[in-house]
Protein backbone atom coordinates (compact mmCIF):
# COMPACT_ATOMS: atom_id res chain seq x y z
CA MET A 1 4.11 -0.37 -7.81
CA ASP A 2 7.18 -1.91 -6.27
CA PRO A 3 7.29 -5.62 -6.73
CA ARG A 4 10.12 -5.85 -4.42
CA ASP A 5 6.75 -6.13 -1.58
CA GLY A 6 4.96 -9.04 -3.36
CA SER A 7 1.67 -7.20 -3.68
CA ILE A 8 1.59 -7.20 -7.27
CA THR A 9 -0.40 -10.03 -9.05
CA LEU A 10 1.68 -12.55 -11.02
CA ALA A 11 -0.11 -11.08 -14.17
CA ASP A 12 0.91 -8.22 -13.27
CA TYR A 13 4.48 -8.57 -12.84
CA ILE A 14 5.00 -10.32 -16.02
CA ALA A 15 2.89 -7.14 -18.19
CA MET A 16 4.99 -4.37 -16.61
CA HIS A 17 8.42 -5.56 -15.40
CA TRP A 18 9.30 -9.47 -16.96
CA ALA A 19 8.08 -9.20 -20.64
CA PRO A 20 9.14 -5.36 -21.44
CA GLY A 21 12.61 -6.95 -20.22
CA ARG A 22 13.36 -9.75 -21.94
CA GLY A 23 15.99 -10.18 -24.59
CA GLY A 24 16.58 -12.84 -26.95
CA ALA A 25 15.48 -13.55 -30.62
CA PRO A 26 11.95 -12.28 -31.63
CA LYS A 27 10.56 -15.92 -32.43
CA THR A 28 11.87 -17.09 -28.77
CA GLN A 29 10.31 -13.71 -27.08
CA GLN A 30 6.56 -14.63 -29.17
CA ASN A 31 6.99 -18.11 -27.36
CA GLN A 32 8.08 -17.21 -24.00
CA GLU A 33 4.70 -14.39 -24.37
CA ARG A 34 2.86 -17.10 -25.97
CA ARG A 35 3.27 -19.37 -23.00
CA ALA A 36 2.90 -17.39 -20.03
CA ARG A 37 -0.46 -15.84 -21.65
CA LEU A 38 -1.73 -19.20 -22.28
CA HIS A 39 -0.19 -21.23 -19.68
CA ILE A 40 0.72 -19.30 -16.54
CA VAL A 41 -1.61 -16.44 -16.28
CA PRO A 42 -4.50 -18.00 -16.56
CA HIS A 43 -3.76 -20.50 -13.70
CA LEU A 44 -1.24 -18.22 -11.10
CA GLY A 45 -1.89 -14.55 -12.34
CA GLN A 46 -4.55 -13.37 -9.92
CA LEU A 47 -1.91 -14.14 -6.98
CA PRO A 48 0.13 -11.73 -5.54
CA LEU A 49 3.92 -12.50 -5.64
CA ARG A 50 4.19 -13.32 -2.32
CA SER A 51 1.51 -15.77 -2.27
CA ILE A 52 2.80 -18.44 -4.52
CA THR A 53 4.44 -20.37 -2.76
CA ALA A 54 6.45 -24.08 -3.82
CA ALA A 55 3.21 -26.07 -2.86
CA GLU A 56 1.26 -24.08 -5.56
CA LEU A 57 3.72 -24.32 -8.01
CA ARG A 58 3.58 -28.11 -7.68
CA ALA A 59 -0.08 -28.14 -7.60
CA TYR A 60 0.12 -26.19 -11.01
CA THR A 61 2.72 -28.79 -12.38
CA ALA A 62 0.46 -31.26 -11.95
CA LYS A 63 -2.19 -29.79 -13.13
CA LEU A 64 0.09 -29.13 -16.36
CA GLU A 65 1.05 -32.41 -16.30
CA ALA A 66 -2.32 -34.08 -16.30
CA THR A 67 -3.36 -31.83 -19.28
CA ASP A 68 0.36 -32.96 -21.28
CA VAL A 69 0.61 -29.36 -21.17
CA PHE A 70 3.72 -29.55 -19.68
CA SER A 71 5.46 -32.78 -21.85
CA CYS A 72 4.33 -30.56 -24.97
CA ALA A 73 6.44 -27.35 -23.96
CA GLN A 74 9.39 -29.96 -22.75
CA GLN A 75 9.30 -31.11 -26.58
CA ASP A 76 9.46 -27.75 -27.45
CA ARG A 77 12.47 -27.13 -25.70
CA ARG A 78 14.06 -29.69 -27.46
């Protein structure tokens, strides 16, 4: 499936294209995989790439902020 047409779901894109091509330290890769698996895929994974809009991302971010996941992720970066 070619991700350029946007019909692939975000979950499939992460599994087939993003995850295998990531670089970085093993611990960084583990943290990125965990965040994607726990926080991104459950909320946006079923959506085709072409349907993920700025409004969709704003709603997702607001939901994360409301559950305090966002602030924890921001603290992890520091």
